[in-house]
Full PDB file with SEQRES, HELIX, SHEET, SSBOND, CRYST1, ORIGX, SCALE, CONECT and MASTER records, all heavy atoms in Angstrom:
SEQRES   1 A   37  ASP THR PHE TYR GLY SER ALA VAL GLU THR ILE HIS PHE          
SEQRES   2 A   37  PRO LYS SER ILE ILE SER PHE ASN VAL ASN MET PHE ASP          
SEQRES   3 A   37  TYR VAL PRO GLN LEU GLU LYS ILE ILE LEU PRO                  
HELIX    1 AA1 VAL A   22  PHE A   25  5                                   4    
SHEET    1 AA1 2 THR A  10  HIS A  12  0                                        
SHEET    2 AA1 2 LYS A  33  ILE A  35  1                                        
CRYST1    1.000    1.000    1.000  90.00  90.00  90.00 P 1           1          
ORIGX1      1.000000  0.000000  0.000000        0.00000                         
ORIGX2      0.000000  1.000000  0.000000        0.00000                         
ORIGX3      0.000000  0.000000  1.000000        0.00000                         
SCALE1      1.000000  0.000000  0.000000        0.00000                         
SCALE2      0.000000  1.000000  0.000000        0.00000                         
SCALE3      0.000000  0.000000  1.000000        0.00000                         
ATOM      1  N   ASP A   1     -24.182  32.326 -10.014  1.00  0.00           N  
ATOM      2  CA  ASP A   1     -24.520  33.299  -8.972  1.00  0.00           C  
ATOM      3  C   ASP A   1     -23.670  33.150  -7.716  1.00  0.00           C  
ATOM      4  O   ASP A   1     -24.149  33.370  -6.606  1.00  0.00           O  
ATOM      5  CB  ASP A   1     -25.996  33.155  -8.600  1.00  0.00           C  
ATOM      6  CG  ASP A   1     -26.914  33.357  -9.791  1.00  0.00           C  
ATOM      7  OD1 ASP A   1     -26.771  34.387 -10.455  1.00  0.00           O  
ATOM      8  OD2 ASP A   1     -27.765  32.487 -10.046  1.00  0.00           O  
ATOM      9  N   THR A   2     -22.414  32.810  -7.888  1.00  0.00           N  
ATOM     10  CA  THR A   2     -21.554  32.537  -6.733  1.00  0.00           C  
ATOM     11  C   THR A   2     -21.496  33.695  -5.747  1.00  0.00           C  
ATOM     12  O   THR A   2     -21.485  33.492  -4.533  1.00  0.00           O  
ATOM     13  CB  THR A   2     -20.129  32.204  -7.196  1.00  0.00           C  
ATOM     14  OG1 THR A   2     -20.191  31.148  -8.156  1.00  0.00           O  
ATOM     15  CG2 THR A   2     -19.264  31.767  -6.032  1.00  0.00           C  
ATOM     16  N   PHE A   3     -21.471  34.938  -6.258  1.00  0.00           N  
ATOM     17  CA  PHE A   3     -21.325  36.107  -5.390  1.00  0.00           C  
ATOM     18  C   PHE A   3     -22.525  37.053  -5.449  1.00  0.00           C  
ATOM     19  O   PHE A   3     -22.444  38.176  -4.950  1.00  0.00           O  
ATOM     20  CB  PHE A   3     -20.062  36.889  -5.764  1.00  0.00           C  
ATOM     21  CG  PHE A   3     -18.791  36.108  -5.601  1.00  0.00           C  
ATOM     22  CD1 PHE A   3     -18.100  35.645  -6.709  1.00  0.00           C  
ATOM     23  CD2 PHE A   3     -18.288  35.826  -4.344  1.00  0.00           C  
ATOM     24  CE1 PHE A   3     -16.923  34.928  -6.573  1.00  0.00           C  
ATOM     25  CE2 PHE A   3     -17.115  35.102  -4.195  1.00  0.00           C  
ATOM     26  CZ  PHE A   3     -16.427  34.646  -5.306  1.00  0.00           C  
ATOM     27  N   TYR A   4     -23.613  36.614  -6.020  1.00  0.00           N  
ATOM     28  CA  TYR A   4     -24.753  37.514  -6.214  1.00  0.00           C  
ATOM     29  C   TYR A   4     -25.206  38.124  -4.883  1.00  0.00           C  
ATOM     30  O   TYR A   4     -25.494  37.424  -3.918  1.00  0.00           O  
ATOM     31  CB  TYR A   4     -25.919  36.769  -6.860  1.00  0.00           C  
ATOM     32  CG  TYR A   4     -27.078  37.669  -7.220  1.00  0.00           C  
ATOM     33  CD1 TYR A   4     -27.125  38.293  -8.465  1.00  0.00           C  
ATOM     34  CD2 TYR A   4     -28.104  37.911  -6.322  1.00  0.00           C  
ATOM     35  CE1 TYR A   4     -28.171  39.127  -8.804  1.00  0.00           C  
ATOM     36  CE2 TYR A   4     -29.160  38.751  -6.650  1.00  0.00           C  
ATOM     37  CZ  TYR A   4     -29.184  39.357  -7.894  1.00  0.00           C  
ATOM     38  OH  TYR A   4     -30.228  40.190  -8.212  1.00  0.00           O  
ATOM     39  N   GLY A   5     -25.265  39.453  -4.831  1.00  0.00           N  
ATOM     40  CA  GLY A   5     -25.732  40.137  -3.624  1.00  0.00           C  
ATOM     41  C   GLY A   5     -24.727  40.178  -2.497  1.00  0.00           C  
ATOM     42  O   GLY A   5     -25.039  40.656  -1.408  1.00  0.00           O  
ATOM     43  N   SER A   6     -23.509  39.695  -2.735  1.00  0.00           N  
ATOM     44  CA  SER A   6     -22.487  39.689  -1.689  1.00  0.00           C  
ATOM     45  C   SER A   6     -21.931  41.095  -1.477  1.00  0.00           C  
ATOM     46  O   SER A   6     -21.900  41.915  -2.399  1.00  0.00           O  
ATOM     47  CB  SER A   6     -21.340  38.743  -2.079  1.00  0.00           C  
ATOM     48  OG  SER A   6     -20.253  38.874  -1.188  1.00  0.00           O  
ATOM     49  N   ALA A   7     -21.471  41.354  -0.254  1.00  0.00           N  
ATOM     50  CA  ALA A   7     -20.831  42.636   0.069  1.00  0.00           C  
ATOM     51  C   ALA A   7     -19.314  42.562  -0.070  1.00  0.00           C  
ATOM     52  O   ALA A   7     -18.612  43.484   0.329  1.00  0.00           O  
ATOM     53  CB  ALA A   7     -21.203  43.057   1.486  1.00  0.00           C  
ATOM     54  N   VAL A   8     -18.808  41.485  -0.657  1.00  0.00           N  
ATOM     55  CA  VAL A   8     -17.366  41.310  -0.788  1.00  0.00           C  
ATOM     56  C   VAL A   8     -16.757  42.445  -1.617  1.00  0.00           C  
ATOM     57  O   VAL A   8     -17.342  42.896  -2.604  1.00  0.00           O  
ATOM     58  CB  VAL A   8     -17.029  39.928  -1.404  1.00  0.00           C  
ATOM     59  CG1 VAL A   8     -17.470  39.837  -2.863  1.00  0.00           C  
ATOM     60  CG2 VAL A   8     -15.553  39.611  -1.239  1.00  0.00           C  
ATOM     61  N   GLU A   9     -15.575  42.907  -1.195  1.00  0.00           N  
ATOM     62  CA  GLU A   9     -14.900  44.009  -1.868  1.00  0.00           C  
ATOM     63  C   GLU A   9     -13.648  43.564  -2.614  1.00  0.00           C  
ATOM     64  O   GLU A   9     -13.307  44.137  -3.653  1.00  0.00           O  
ATOM     65  CB  GLU A   9     -14.513  45.082  -0.842  1.00  0.00           C  
ATOM     66  CG  GLU A   9     -15.724  45.716  -0.153  1.00  0.00           C  
ATOM     67  CD  GLU A   9     -15.318  46.647   0.970  1.00  0.00           C  
ATOM     68  OE1 GLU A   9     -14.092  46.727   1.284  1.00  0.00           O  
ATOM     69  OE2 GLU A   9     -16.199  47.295   1.552  1.00  0.00           O  
ATOM     70  N   THR A  10     -12.955  42.555  -2.075  1.00  0.00           N  
ATOM     71  CA  THR A  10     -11.702  42.092  -2.672  1.00  0.00           C  
ATOM     72  C   THR A  10     -11.701  40.573  -2.767  1.00  0.00           C  
ATOM     73  O   THR A  10     -12.012  39.893  -1.783  1.00  0.00           O  
ATOM     74  CB  THR A  10     -10.487  42.540  -1.823  1.00  0.00           C  
ATOM     75  OG1 THR A  10     -10.495  43.966  -1.711  1.00  0.00           O  
ATOM     76  CG2 THR A  10      -9.182  42.073  -2.459  1.00  0.00           C  
ATOM     77  N   ILE A  11     -11.366  40.043  -3.956  1.00  0.00           N  
ATOM     78  CA  ILE A  11     -11.280  38.600  -4.148  1.00  0.00           C  
ATOM     79  C   ILE A  11      -9.920  38.270  -4.758  1.00  0.00           C  
ATOM     80  O   ILE A  11      -9.509  38.870  -5.752  1.00  0.00           O  
ATOM     81  CB  ILE A  11     -12.394  38.071  -5.070  1.00  0.00           C  
ATOM     82  CG1 ILE A  11     -13.772  38.483  -4.553  1.00  0.00           C  
ATOM     83  CG2 ILE A  11     -12.312  36.544  -5.184  1.00  0.00           C  
ATOM     84  CD1 ILE A  11     -14.913  38.131  -5.490  1.00  0.00           C  
ATOM     85  N   HIS A  12      -9.226  37.314  -4.145  1.00  0.00           N  
ATOM     86  CA  HIS A  12      -7.937  36.844  -4.657  1.00  0.00           C  
ATOM     87  C   HIS A  12      -8.151  35.521  -5.403  1.00  0.00           C  
ATOM     88  O   HIS A  12      -8.606  34.547  -4.809  1.00  0.00           O  
ATOM     89  CB  HIS A  12      -6.966  36.604  -3.494  1.00  0.00           C  
ATOM     90  CG  HIS A  12      -6.698  37.824  -2.662  1.00  0.00           C  
ATOM     91  ND1 HIS A  12      -5.517  38.531  -2.738  1.00  0.00           N  
ATOM     92  CD2 HIS A  12      -7.461  38.451  -1.729  1.00  0.00           C  
ATOM     93  CE1 HIS A  12      -5.559  39.535  -1.887  1.00  0.00           C  
ATOM     94  NE2 HIS A  12      -6.730  39.512  -1.254  1.00  0.00           N  
ATOM     95  N   PHE A  13      -7.807  35.499  -6.689  1.00  0.00           N  
ATOM     96  CA  PHE A  13      -7.949  34.290  -7.496  1.00  0.00           C  
ATOM     97  C   PHE A  13      -6.577  33.678  -7.772  1.00  0.00           C  
ATOM     98  O   PHE A  13      -5.606  34.402  -8.041  1.00  0.00           O  
ATOM     99  CB  PHE A  13      -8.618  34.596  -8.834  1.00  0.00           C  
ATOM    100  CG  PHE A  13     -10.101  34.773  -8.746  1.00  0.00           C  
ATOM    101  CD1 PHE A  13     -10.646  36.051  -8.683  1.00  0.00           C  
ATOM    102  CD2 PHE A  13     -10.959  33.683  -8.723  1.00  0.00           C  
ATOM    103  CE1 PHE A  13     -12.024  36.237  -8.613  1.00  0.00           C  
ATOM    104  CE2 PHE A  13     -12.331  33.852  -8.651  1.00  0.00           C  
ATOM    105  CZ  PHE A  13     -12.867  35.137  -8.593  1.00  0.00           C  
ATOM    106  N   PRO A  14      -6.490  32.347  -7.800  1.00  0.00           N  
ATOM    107  CA  PRO A  14      -5.237  31.679  -8.174  1.00  0.00           C  
ATOM    108  C   PRO A  14      -5.192  31.428  -9.680  1.00  0.00           C  
ATOM    109  O   PRO A  14      -6.187  31.614 -10.390  1.00  0.00           O  
ATOM    110  CB  PRO A  14      -5.328  30.362  -7.411  1.00  0.00           C  
ATOM    111  CG  PRO A  14      -6.799  30.045  -7.450  1.00  0.00           C  
ATOM    112  CD  PRO A  14      -7.508  31.369  -7.341  1.00  0.00           C  
ATOM    113  N   LYS A  15      -4.056  30.963 -10.149  1.00  0.00           N  
ATOM    114  CA  LYS A  15      -3.912  30.611 -11.564  1.00  0.00           C  
ATOM    115  C   LYS A  15      -4.525  29.247 -11.870  1.00  0.00           C  
ATOM    116  O   LYS A  15      -4.798  28.914 -13.022  1.00  0.00           O  
ATOM    117  CB  LYS A  15      -2.420  30.602 -11.925  1.00  0.00           C  
ATOM    118  CG  LYS A  15      -2.136  30.420 -13.402  1.00  0.00           C  
ATOM    119  CD  LYS A  15      -0.645  30.511 -13.690  1.00  0.00           C  
ATOM    120  CE  LYS A  15      -0.383  30.382 -15.186  1.00  0.00           C  
ATOM    121  NZ  LYS A  15       1.065  30.507 -15.509  1.00  0.00           N  
ATOM    122  N   SER A  16      -4.767  28.457 -10.849  1.00  0.00           N  
ATOM    123  CA  SER A  16      -5.161  27.052 -11.010  1.00  0.00           C  
ATOM    124  C   SER A  16      -6.555  26.833 -11.601  1.00  0.00           C  
ATOM    125  O   SER A  16      -6.855  25.756 -12.101  1.00  0.00           O  
ATOM    126  CB  SER A  16      -5.092  26.350  -9.650  1.00  0.00           C  
ATOM    127  OG  SER A  16      -5.922  27.022  -8.709  1.00  0.00           O  
ATOM    128  N   ILE A  17      -7.420  27.843 -11.562  1.00  0.00           N  
ATOM    129  CA  ILE A  17      -8.812  27.656 -11.992  1.00  0.00           C  
ATOM    130  C   ILE A  17      -8.871  27.416 -13.497  1.00  0.00           C  
ATOM    131  O   ILE A  17      -8.369  28.216 -14.295  1.00  0.00           O  
ATOM    132  CB  ILE A  17      -9.669  28.870 -11.604  1.00  0.00           C  
ATOM    133  CG1 ILE A  17      -9.739  28.988 -10.082  1.00  0.00           C  
ATOM    134  CG2 ILE A  17     -11.077  28.749 -12.196  1.00  0.00           C  
ATOM    135  CD1 ILE A  17     -10.450  30.218  -9.578  1.00  0.00           C  
ATOM    136  N   ILE A  18      -9.509  26.310 -13.886  1.00  0.00           N  
ATOM    137  CA  ILE A  18      -9.630  25.966 -15.312  1.00  0.00           C  
ATOM    138  C   ILE A  18     -11.070  26.001 -15.800  1.00  0.00           C  
ATOM    139  O   ILE A  18     -11.328  25.959 -16.996  1.00  0.00           O  
ATOM    140  CB  ILE A  18      -9.019  24.576 -15.599  1.00  0.00           C  
ATOM    141  CG1 ILE A  18      -9.704  23.499 -14.765  1.00  0.00           C  
ATOM    142  CG2 ILE A  18      -7.519  24.588 -15.343  1.00  0.00           C  
ATOM    143  CD1 ILE A  18      -9.226  22.085 -15.079  1.00  0.00           C  
ATOM    144  N   SER A  19     -12.019  26.067 -14.875  1.00  0.00           N  
ATOM    145  CA  SER A  19     -13.436  26.167 -15.240  1.00  0.00           C  
ATOM    146  C   SER A  19     -14.036  27.351 -14.482  1.00  0.00           C  
ATOM    147  O   SER A  19     -14.131  27.336 -13.257  1.00  0.00           O  
ATOM    148  CB  SER A  19     -14.171  24.872 -14.869  1.00  0.00           C  
ATOM    149  OG  SER A  19     -15.523  24.935 -15.250  1.00  0.00           O  
ATOM    150  N   PHE A  20     -14.421  28.390 -15.249  1.00  0.00           N  
ATOM    151  CA  PHE A  20     -14.767  29.676 -14.646  1.00  0.00           C  
ATOM    152  C   PHE A  20     -15.945  30.297 -15.380  1.00  0.00           C  
ATOM    153  O   PHE A  20     -16.063  30.172 -16.601  1.00  0.00           O  
ATOM    154  CB  PHE A  20     -13.544  30.607 -14.704  1.00  0.00           C  
ATOM    155  CG  PHE A  20     -13.784  31.977 -14.150  1.00  0.00           C  
ATOM    156  CD1 PHE A  20     -13.807  32.202 -12.784  1.00  0.00           C  
ATOM    157  CD2 PHE A  20     -13.979  33.055 -15.005  1.00  0.00           C  
ATOM    158  CE1 PHE A  20     -14.021  33.465 -12.277  1.00  0.00           C  
ATOM    159  CE2 PHE A  20     -14.186  34.329 -14.513  1.00  0.00           C  
ATOM    160  CZ  PHE A  20     -14.208  34.531 -13.144  1.00  0.00           C  
ATOM    161  N   ASN A  21     -16.816  30.987 -14.640  1.00  0.00           N  
ATOM    162  CA  ASN A  21     -18.006  31.611 -15.219  1.00  0.00           C  
ATOM    163  C   ASN A  21     -18.056  33.079 -14.804  1.00  0.00           C  
ATOM    164  O   ASN A  21     -18.183  33.389 -13.614  1.00  0.00           O  
ATOM    165  CB  ASN A  21     -19.260  30.876 -14.737  1.00  0.00           C  
ATOM    166  CG  ASN A  21     -20.518  31.329 -15.448  1.00  0.00           C  
ATOM    167  OD1 ASN A  21     -20.560  32.401 -16.062  1.00  0.00           O  
ATOM    168  ND2 ASN A  21     -21.566  30.530 -15.357  1.00  0.00           N  
ATOM    169  N   VAL A  22     -17.974  33.973 -15.767  1.00  0.00           N  
ATOM    170  CA  VAL A  22     -17.989  35.411 -15.489  1.00  0.00           C  
ATOM    171  C   VAL A  22     -19.299  35.853 -14.845  1.00  0.00           C  
ATOM    172  O   VAL A  22     -19.341  36.837 -14.098  1.00  0.00           O  
ATOM    173  CB  VAL A  22     -17.743  36.201 -16.795  1.00  0.00           C  
ATOM    174  CG1 VAL A  22     -17.880  37.699 -16.568  1.00  0.00           C  
ATOM    175  CG2 VAL A  22     -16.364  35.890 -17.351  1.00  0.00           C  
ATOM    176  N   ASN A  23     -20.374  35.117 -15.106  1.00  0.00           N  
ATOM    177  CA  ASN A  23     -21.689  35.497 -14.555  1.00  0.00           C  
ATOM    178  C   ASN A  23     -21.715  35.515 -13.035  1.00  0.00           C  
ATOM    179  O   ASN A  23     -22.640  36.072 -12.437  1.00  0.00           O  
ATOM    180  CB  ASN A  23     -22.766  34.541 -15.060  1.00  0.00           C  
ATOM    181  CG  ASN A  23     -23.009  34.677 -16.544  1.00  0.00           C  
ATOM    182  OD1 ASN A  23     -22.697  35.713 -17.134  1.00  0.00           O  
ATOM    183  ND2 ASN A  23     -23.545  33.642 -17.166  1.00  0.00           N  
ATOM    184  N   MET A  24     -20.724  34.917 -12.398  1.00  0.00           N  
ATOM    185  CA  MET A  24     -20.696  34.915 -10.934  1.00  0.00           C  
ATOM    186  C   MET A  24     -20.574  36.327 -10.370  1.00  0.00           C  
ATOM    187  O   MET A  24     -20.845  36.560  -9.199  1.00  0.00           O  
ATOM    188  CB  MET A  24     -19.548  34.058 -10.414  1.00  0.00           C  
ATOM    189  CG  MET A  24     -18.169  34.611 -10.653  1.00  0.00           C  
ATOM    190  SD  MET A  24     -16.876  33.600  -9.881  1.00  0.00           S  
ATOM    191  CE  MET A  24     -17.037  32.078 -10.802  1.00  0.00           C  
ATOM    192  N   PHE A  25     -20.164  37.294 -11.224  1.00  0.00           N  
ATOM    193  CA  PHE A  25     -20.006  38.671 -10.763  1.00  0.00           C  
ATOM    194  C   PHE A  25     -21.228  39.538 -11.033  1.00  0.00           C  
ATOM    195  O   PHE A  25     -21.177  40.762 -10.849  1.00  0.00           O  
ATOM    196  CB  PHE A  25     -18.774  39.301 -11.425  1.00  0.00           C  
ATOM    197  CG  PHE A  25     -17.480  38.691 -10.982  1.00  0.00           C  
ATOM    198  CD1 PHE A  25     -16.713  37.955 -11.870  1.00  0.00           C  
ATOM    199  CD2 PHE A  25     -17.041  38.829  -9.675  1.00  0.00           C  
ATOM    200  CE1 PHE A  25     -15.514  37.395 -11.467  1.00  0.00           C  
ATOM    201  CE2 PHE A  25     -15.839  38.267  -9.268  1.00  0.00           C  
ATOM    202  CZ  PHE A  25     -15.080  37.545 -10.158  1.00  0.00           C  
ATOM    203  N   ASP A  26     -22.292  38.924 -11.472  1.00  0.00           N  
ATOM    204  CA  ASP A  26     -23.515  39.683 -11.707  1.00  0.00           C  
ATOM    205  C   ASP A  26     -24.073  40.189 -10.377  1.00  0.00           C  
ATOM    206  O   ASP A  26     -24.402  39.411  -9.501  1.00  0.00           O  
ATOM    207  CB  ASP A  26     -24.550  38.802 -12.410  1.00  0.00           C  
ATOM    208  CG  ASP A  26     -25.789  39.580 -12.803  1.00  0.00           C  
ATOM    209  OD1 ASP A  26     -25.675  40.813 -13.013  1.00  0.00           O  
ATOM    210  OD2 ASP A  26     -26.858  38.965 -12.894  1.00  0.00           O  
ATOM    211  N   TYR A  27     -24.166  41.459 -10.227  1.00  0.00           N  
ATOM    212  CA  TYR A  27     -24.638  42.151  -9.027  1.00  0.00           C  
ATOM    213  C   TYR A  27     -23.797  41.821  -7.790  1.00  0.00           C  
ATOM    214  O   TYR A  27     -24.212  41.100  -6.883  1.00  0.00           O  
ATOM    215  CB  TYR A  27     -26.116  41.864  -8.739  1.00  0.00           C  
ATOM    216  CG  TYR A  27     -26.652  42.751  -7.617  1.00  0.00           C  
ATOM    217  CD1 TYR A  27     -26.631  44.134  -7.755  1.00  0.00           C  
ATOM    218  CD2 TYR A  27     -27.129  42.208  -6.441  1.00  0.00           C  
ATOM    219  CE1 TYR A  27     -27.094  44.954  -6.735  1.00  0.00           C  
ATOM    220  CE2 TYR A  27     -27.591  43.027  -5.416  1.00  0.00           C  
ATOM    221  CZ  TYR A  27     -27.565  44.396  -5.574  1.00  0.00           C  
ATOM    222  OH  TYR A  27     -28.012  45.205  -4.550  1.00  0.00           O  
ATOM    223  N   VAL A  28     -22.599  42.370  -7.808  1.00  0.00           N  
ATOM    224  CA  VAL A  28     -21.714  42.367  -6.629  1.00  0.00           C  
ATOM    225  C   VAL A  28     -21.354  43.839  -6.420  1.00  0.00           C  
ATOM    226  O   VAL A  28     -20.265  44.285  -6.783  1.00  0.00           O  
ATOM    227  CB  VAL A  28     -20.458  41.507  -6.846  1.00  0.00           C  
ATOM    228  CG1 VAL A  28     -19.701  41.308  -5.535  1.00  0.00           C  
ATOM    229  CG2 VAL A  28     -20.817  40.158  -7.455  1.00  0.00           C  
ATOM    230  N   PRO A  29     -22.265  44.627  -5.870  1.00  0.00           N  
ATOM    231  CA  PRO A  29     -22.184  46.089  -5.927  1.00  0.00           C  
ATOM    232  C   PRO A  29     -20.984  46.717  -5.231  1.00  0.00           C  
ATOM    233  O   PRO A  29     -20.570  47.824  -5.591  1.00  0.00           O  
ATOM    234  CB  PRO A  29     -23.497  46.540  -5.274  1.00  0.00           C  
ATOM    235  CG  PRO A  29     -23.940  45.384  -4.440  1.00  0.00           C  
ATOM    236  CD  PRO A  29     -23.475  44.165  -5.173  1.00  0.00           C  
ATOM    237  N   GLN A  30     -20.398  46.037  -4.249  1.00  0.00           N  
ATOM    238  CA  GLN A  30     -19.290  46.640  -3.501  1.00  0.00           C  
ATOM    239  C   GLN A  30     -17.914  46.139  -3.950  1.00  0.00           C  
ATOM    240  O   GLN A  30     -16.898  46.506  -3.378  1.00  0.00           O  
ATOM    241  CB  GLN A  30     -19.472  46.386  -2.003  1.00  0.00           C  
ATOM    242  CG  GLN A  30     -20.689  47.118  -1.428  1.00  0.00           C  
ATOM    243  CD  GLN A  30     -20.889  46.842   0.049  1.00  0.00           C  
ATOM    244  OE1 GLN A  30     -22.005  46.629   0.512  1.00  0.00           O  
ATOM    245  NE2 GLN A  30     -19.817  46.847   0.821  1.00  0.00           N  
ATOM    246  N   LEU A  31     -17.902  45.334  -4.999  1.00  0.00           N  
ATOM    247  CA  LEU A  31     -16.637  44.767  -5.468  1.00  0.00           C  
ATOM    248  C   LEU A  31     -15.701  45.872  -5.964  1.00  0.00           C  
ATOM    249  O   LEU A  31     -16.074  46.685  -6.814  1.00  0.00           O  
ATOM    250  CB  LEU A  31     -16.897  43.770  -6.593  1.00  0.00           C  
ATOM    251  CG  LEU A  31     -15.676  43.020  -7.124  1.00  0.00           C  
ATOM    252  CD1 LEU A  31     -15.054  42.157  -6.022  1.00  0.00           C  
ATOM    253  CD2 LEU A  31     -16.058  42.151  -8.322  1.00  0.00           C  
ATOM    254  N   GLU A  32     -14.467  45.895  -5.423  1.00  0.00           N  
ATOM    255  CA  GLU A  32     -13.487  46.908  -5.784  1.00  0.00           C  
ATOM    256  C   GLU A  32     -12.242  46.324  -6.434  1.00  0.00           C  
ATOM    257  O   GLU A  32     -11.656  46.949  -7.326  1.00  0.00           O  
ATOM    258  CB  GLU A  32     -13.062  47.706  -4.539  1.00  0.00           C  
ATOM    259  CG  GLU A  32     -14.192  48.505  -3.905  1.00  0.00           C  
ATOM    260  CD  GLU A  32     -13.756  49.214  -2.637  1.00  0.00           C  
ATOM    261  OE1 GLU A  32     -12.585  49.015  -2.218  1.00  0.00           O  
ATOM    262  OE2 GLU A  32     -14.566  49.950  -2.061  1.00  0.00           O  
ATOM    263  N   LYS A  33     -11.807  45.146  -5.975  1.00  0.00           N  
ATOM    264  CA  LYS A  33     -10.563  44.572  -6.475  1.00  0.00           C  
ATOM    265  C   LYS A  33     -10.714  43.085  -6.763  1.00  0.00           C  
ATOM    266  O   LYS A  33     -11.242  42.333  -5.944  1.00  0.00           O  
ATOM    267  CB  LYS A  33      -9.433  44.748  -5.446  1.00  0.00           C  
ATOM    268  CG  LYS A  33      -8.976  46.171  -5.227  1.00  0.00           C  
ATOM    269  CD  LYS A  33      -7.808  46.202  -4.247  1.00  0.00           C  
ATOM    270  CE  LYS A  33      -7.299  47.617  -4.030  1.00  0.00           C  
ATOM    271  NZ  LYS A  33      -6.149  47.633  -3.086  1.00  0.00           N  
ATOM    272  N   ILE A  34     -10.211  42.685  -7.941  1.00  0.00           N  
ATOM    273  CA  ILE A  34     -10.052  41.277  -8.282  1.00  0.00           C  
ATOM    274  C   ILE A  34      -8.554  41.084  -8.495  1.00  0.00           C  
ATOM    275  O   ILE A  34      -7.985  41.574  -9.468  1.00  0.00           O  
ATOM    276  CB  ILE A  34     -10.837  40.914  -9.553  1.00  0.00           C  
ATOM    277  CG1 ILE A  34     -12.335  41.193  -9.355  1.00  0.00           C  
ATOM    278  CG2 ILE A  34     -10.615  39.450  -9.913  1.00  0.00           C  
ATOM    279  CD1 ILE A  34     -13.159  41.027 -10.615  1.00  0.00           C  
ATOM    280  N   ILE A  35      -7.923  40.399  -7.568  1.00  0.00           N  
ATOM    281  CA  ILE A  35      -6.467  40.215  -7.595  1.00  0.00           C  
ATOM    282  C   ILE A  35      -6.162  38.835  -8.152  1.00  0.00           C  
ATOM    283  O   ILE A  35      -6.649  37.823  -7.628  1.00  0.00           O  
ATOM    284  CB  ILE A  35      -5.883  40.387  -6.179  1.00  0.00           C  
ATOM    285  CG1 ILE A  35      -6.240  41.786  -5.639  1.00  0.00           C  
ATOM    286  CG2 ILE A  35      -4.377  40.167  -6.184  1.00  0.00           C  
ATOM    287  CD1 ILE A  35      -5.862  42.005  -4.194  1.00  0.00           C  
ATOM    288  N   LEU A  36      -5.370  38.781  -9.230  1.00  0.00           N  
ATOM    289  CA  LEU A  36      -5.181  37.519  -9.938  1.00  0.00           C  
ATOM    290  C   LEU A  36      -3.943  37.561 -10.825  1.00  0.00           C  
ATOM    291  O   LEU A  36      -3.427  38.645 -11.132  1.00  0.00           O  
ATOM    292  CB  LEU A  36      -6.411  37.203 -10.780  1.00  0.00           C  
ATOM    293  CG  LEU A  36      -6.665  38.037 -12.048  1.00  0.00           C  
ATOM    294  CD1 LEU A  36      -7.796  37.408 -12.841  1.00  0.00           C  
ATOM    295  CD2 LEU A  36      -6.981  39.488 -11.767  1.00  0.00           C  
ATOM    296  N   PRO A  37      -3.460  36.399 -11.286  1.00  0.00           N  
ATOM    297  CA  PRO A  37      -2.340  36.376 -12.233  1.00  0.00           C  
ATOM    298  C   PRO A  37      -2.802  36.879 -13.602  1.00  0.00           C  
ATOM    299  O   PRO A  37      -3.913  36.571 -14.037  1.00  0.00           O  
ATOM    300  CB  PRO A  37      -1.952  34.894 -12.294  1.00  0.00           C  
ATOM    301  CG  PRO A  37      -2.616  34.253 -11.129  1.00  0.00           C  
ATOM    302  CD  PRO A  37      -3.844  35.042 -10.858  1.00  0.00           C  
TER     303      PRO A  37                                                      
MASTER        0    0    0    1    2    0    0    6  302    1    0    3          
END                                                                             
């Protein structure tokens, strides 16, 4: 639930992440852009 209920619209991710959970995006209603490699 990293971003649950957040108003964040744009998130920049690096290539370095090796442990990641897609569920962190559950209910992020204003999310528009995920910028990543």
